[in-house]
Amino acid sequence: MAVKTKPNKKREKVSRPREARENTKKNTASKENKTASSKTRTEKYLELFNKYLAEAEELYKKGDLPQ
């Protein structure tokens, strides 16, 4: 006995060009991140944090507050 089912509604898949997907993969899983020790990654994180914090503080002093 056949069971009646509702037809599947396929979602339209919005895809990016192949090159964009490949670039995203390369950026998120770079060799540098895979091979760096946790100490090196922590040092790099802190370096970037301090850089961006200093930039944000300068912009705040100027009254330039991008949302």
N, C-alpha and C. Protein backbone atom coordinates (compact mmCIF):
# COMPACT_ATOMS: atom_id res chain seq x y z
N MET A 1 0.84 -1.17 0.00
CA MET A 1 0.00 0.00 0.00
C MET A 1 0.89 1.24 0.00
N ALA A 2 0.68 2.12 -0.94
CA ALA A 2 1.49 3.33 -1.08
C ALA A 2 1.03 4.40 -0.11
N VAL A 3 1.99 5.08 0.45
CA VAL A 3 1.70 6.16 1.38
C VAL A 3 1.83 7.47 0.61
N LYS A 4 0.82 8.30 0.73
CA LYS A 4 0.88 9.59 0.06
C LYS A 4 1.66 10.57 0.94
N THR A 5 2.55 11.25 0.32
CA THR A 5 3.34 12.26 1.05
C THR A 5 3.20 13.60 0.34
N LYS A 6 3.48 14.63 1.10
CA LYS A 6 3.46 15.96 0.51
C LYS A 6 4.68 16.13 -0.37
N PRO A 7 4.56 16.85 -1.45
CA PRO A 7 5.73 17.06 -2.29
C PRO A 7 6.77 17.89 -1.55
N ASN A 8 8.03 17.58 -1.78
CA ASN A 8 9.12 18.32 -1.15
C ASN A 8 9.24 19.69 -1.79
N LYS A 9 9.30 20.70 -0.95
CA LYS A 9 9.53 22.04 -1.46
C LYS A 9 11.03 22.28 -1.40
N LYS A 10 11.62 22.36 -2.54
CA LYS A 10 13.06 22.58 -2.57
C LYS A 10 13.35 24.05 -2.35
N ARG A 11 14.28 24.31 -1.46
CA ARG A 11 14.70 25.68 -1.24
C ARG A 11 15.64 26.08 -2.36
N GLU A 12 15.47 27.30 -2.78
CA GLU A 12 16.39 27.79 -3.79
C GLU A 12 17.72 28.05 -3.11
N LYS A 13 18.72 27.45 -3.63
CA LYS A 13 20.05 27.58 -3.05
C LYS A 13 20.77 28.76 -3.69
N VAL A 14 21.17 29.68 -2.85
CA VAL A 14 21.92 30.83 -3.34
C VAL A 14 23.39 30.44 -3.22
N SER A 15 24.02 30.34 -4.34
CA SER A 15 25.42 29.93 -4.29
C SER A 15 26.33 31.03 -4.79
N ARG A 16 27.51 30.99 -4.27
CA ARG A 16 28.52 31.94 -4.71
C ARG A 16 29.35 31.28 -5.80
N PRO A 17 30.03 32.08 -6.57
CA PRO A 17 30.91 31.48 -7.57
C PRO A 17 31.95 30.59 -6.92
N ARG A 18 32.41 29.62 -7.66
CA ARG A 18 33.38 28.66 -7.14
C ARG A 18 34.62 29.36 -6.57
N GLU A 19 35.09 30.38 -7.25
CA GLU A 19 36.30 31.06 -6.80
C GLU A 19 36.09 31.68 -5.42
N ALA A 20 34.93 32.26 -5.19
CA ALA A 20 34.66 32.89 -3.89
C ALA A 20 34.64 31.84 -2.78
N ARG A 21 34.04 30.68 -3.07
CA ARG A 21 34.01 29.62 -2.06
C ARG A 21 35.41 29.13 -1.76
N GLU A 22 36.23 28.97 -2.78
CA GLU A 22 37.59 28.49 -2.58
C GLU A 22 38.42 29.50 -1.80
N ASN A 23 38.25 30.79 -2.10
CA ASN A 23 39.00 31.82 -1.37
C ASN A 23 38.60 31.84 0.09
N THR A 24 37.32 31.65 0.36
CA THR A 24 36.85 31.63 1.75
C THR A 24 37.48 30.48 2.50
N LYS A 25 37.52 29.32 1.86
CA LYS A 25 38.13 28.16 2.51
C LYS A 25 39.61 28.41 2.78
N LYS A 26 40.30 29.00 1.83
CA LYS A 26 41.73 29.26 2.00
C LYS A 26 41.97 30.22 3.15
N ASN A 27 41.13 31.24 3.26
CA ASN A 27 41.33 32.25 4.30
C ASN A 27 41.03 31.70 5.69
N THR A 28 40.03 30.86 5.81
CA THR A 28 39.66 30.39 7.14
C THR A 28 40.54 29.26 7.64
N ALA A 29 41.16 28.55 6.74
CA ALA A 29 42.01 27.43 7.16
C ALA A 29 43.39 27.58 6.55
N SER A 30 44.02 28.67 6.84
CA SER A 30 45.33 28.90 6.25
C SER A 30 46.37 28.01 6.90
N LYS A 31 47.45 27.78 6.18
CA LYS A 31 48.52 26.94 6.70
C LYS A 31 49.14 27.55 7.95
N GLU A 32 49.19 28.88 7.99
CA GLU A 32 49.78 29.55 9.15
C GLU A 32 49.03 29.20 10.42
N ASN A 33 47.71 29.20 10.36
CA ASN A 33 46.91 28.88 11.53
C ASN A 33 47.04 27.42 11.93
N LYS A 34 47.20 26.54 10.96
CA LYS A 34 47.30 25.12 11.27
C LYS A 34 48.64 24.77 11.91
N THR A 35 49.70 25.45 11.50
CA THR A 35 51.02 25.08 11.97
C THR A 35 51.50 25.89 13.17
N ALA A 36 50.85 26.99 13.47
CA ALA A 36 51.28 27.84 14.58
C ALA A 36 50.94 27.19 15.91
N SER A 37 51.83 27.35 16.87
CA SER A 37 51.56 26.83 18.21
C SER A 37 50.51 27.70 18.88
N SER A 38 49.92 27.19 19.93
CA SER A 38 48.89 27.98 20.61
C SER A 38 49.49 29.24 21.21
N LYS A 39 50.74 29.19 21.64
CA LYS A 39 51.40 30.38 22.18
C LYS A 39 51.55 31.45 21.10
N THR A 40 51.96 31.02 19.90
CA THR A 40 52.12 31.95 18.79
C THR A 40 50.78 32.56 18.40
N ARG A 41 49.75 31.72 18.35
CA ARG A 41 48.42 32.23 18.00
C ARG A 41 47.93 33.23 19.05
N THR A 42 48.18 32.94 20.31
CA THR A 42 47.77 33.85 21.38
C THR A 42 48.50 35.18 21.26
N GLU A 43 49.79 35.13 20.99
CA GLU A 43 50.57 36.36 20.83
C GLU A 43 50.05 37.18 19.65
N LYS A 44 49.75 36.52 18.55
CA LYS A 44 49.23 37.21 17.37
C LYS A 44 47.86 37.82 17.67
N TYR A 45 47.02 37.08 18.37
CA TYR A 45 45.70 37.58 18.75
C TYR A 45 45.84 38.84 19.60
N LEU A 46 46.71 38.80 20.59
CA LEU A 46 46.89 39.96 21.46
C LEU A 46 47.45 41.15 20.69
N GLU A 47 48.37 40.89 19.76
CA GLU A 47 48.93 41.96 18.94
C GLU A 47 47.84 42.65 18.13
N LEU A 48 46.99 41.84 17.49
CA LEU A 48 45.90 42.41 16.69
C LEU A 48 44.88 43.12 17.58
N PHE A 49 44.58 42.53 18.74
CA PHE A 49 43.63 43.14 19.66
C PHE A 49 44.10 44.53 20.07
N ASN A 50 45.36 44.64 20.45
CA ASN A 50 45.90 45.93 20.88
C ASN A 50 45.90 46.94 19.74
N LYS A 51 46.19 46.48 18.53
CA LYS A 51 46.19 47.36 17.37
C LYS A 51 44.79 47.92 17.13
N TYR A 52 43.79 47.02 17.11
CA TYR A 52 42.43 47.47 16.83
C TYR A 52 41.85 48.29 17.98
N LEU A 53 42.23 47.97 19.21
CA LEU A 53 41.77 48.74 20.35
C LEU A 53 42.30 50.17 20.28
N ALA A 54 43.57 50.32 19.93
CA ALA A 54 44.17 51.65 19.81
C ALA A 54 43.47 52.45 18.72
N GLU A 55 43.19 51.81 17.58
CA GLU A 55 42.47 52.49 16.50
C GLU A 55 41.07 52.91 16.95
N ALA A 56 40.39 52.03 17.67
CA ALA A 56 39.04 52.34 18.13
C ALA A 56 39.05 53.49 19.13
N GLU A 57 40.03 53.51 20.01
CA GLU A 57 40.12 54.59 20.99
C GLU A 57 40.38 55.93 20.32
N GLU A 58 41.23 55.93 19.28
CA GLU A 58 41.49 57.17 18.54
C GLU A 58 40.22 57.67 17.85
N LEU A 59 39.49 56.77 17.23
CA LEU A 59 38.24 57.16 16.56
C LEU A 59 37.21 57.67 17.58
N TYR A 60 37.19 57.05 18.76
CA TYR A 60 36.25 57.47 19.80
C TYR A 60 36.56 58.88 20.26
N LYS A 61 37.85 59.18 20.43
CA LYS A 61 38.26 60.53 20.84
C LYS A 61 37.86 61.56 19.81
N LYS A 62 37.94 61.19 18.53
CA LYS A 62 37.57 62.11 17.45
C LYS A 62 36.04 62.24 17.31
N GLY A 63 35.30 61.35 17.95
CA GLY A 63 33.85 61.37 17.83
C GLY A 63 33.36 60.61 16.61
N ASP A 64 34.23 59.87 15.97
CA ASP A 64 33.87 59.09 14.80
C ASP A 64 33.45 57.71 15.27
N LEU A 65 32.16 57.49 15.39
CA LEU A 65 31.66 56.23 15.92
C LEU A 65 30.87 55.47 14.84
N PRO A 66 31.55 54.71 13.99
CA PRO A 66 30.83 53.95 12.98
C PRO A 66 30.00 52.85 13.64
N GLN A 67 28.85 52.63 13.09
CA GLN A 67 27.96 51.61 13.65
C GLN A 67 28.02 50.36 12.82
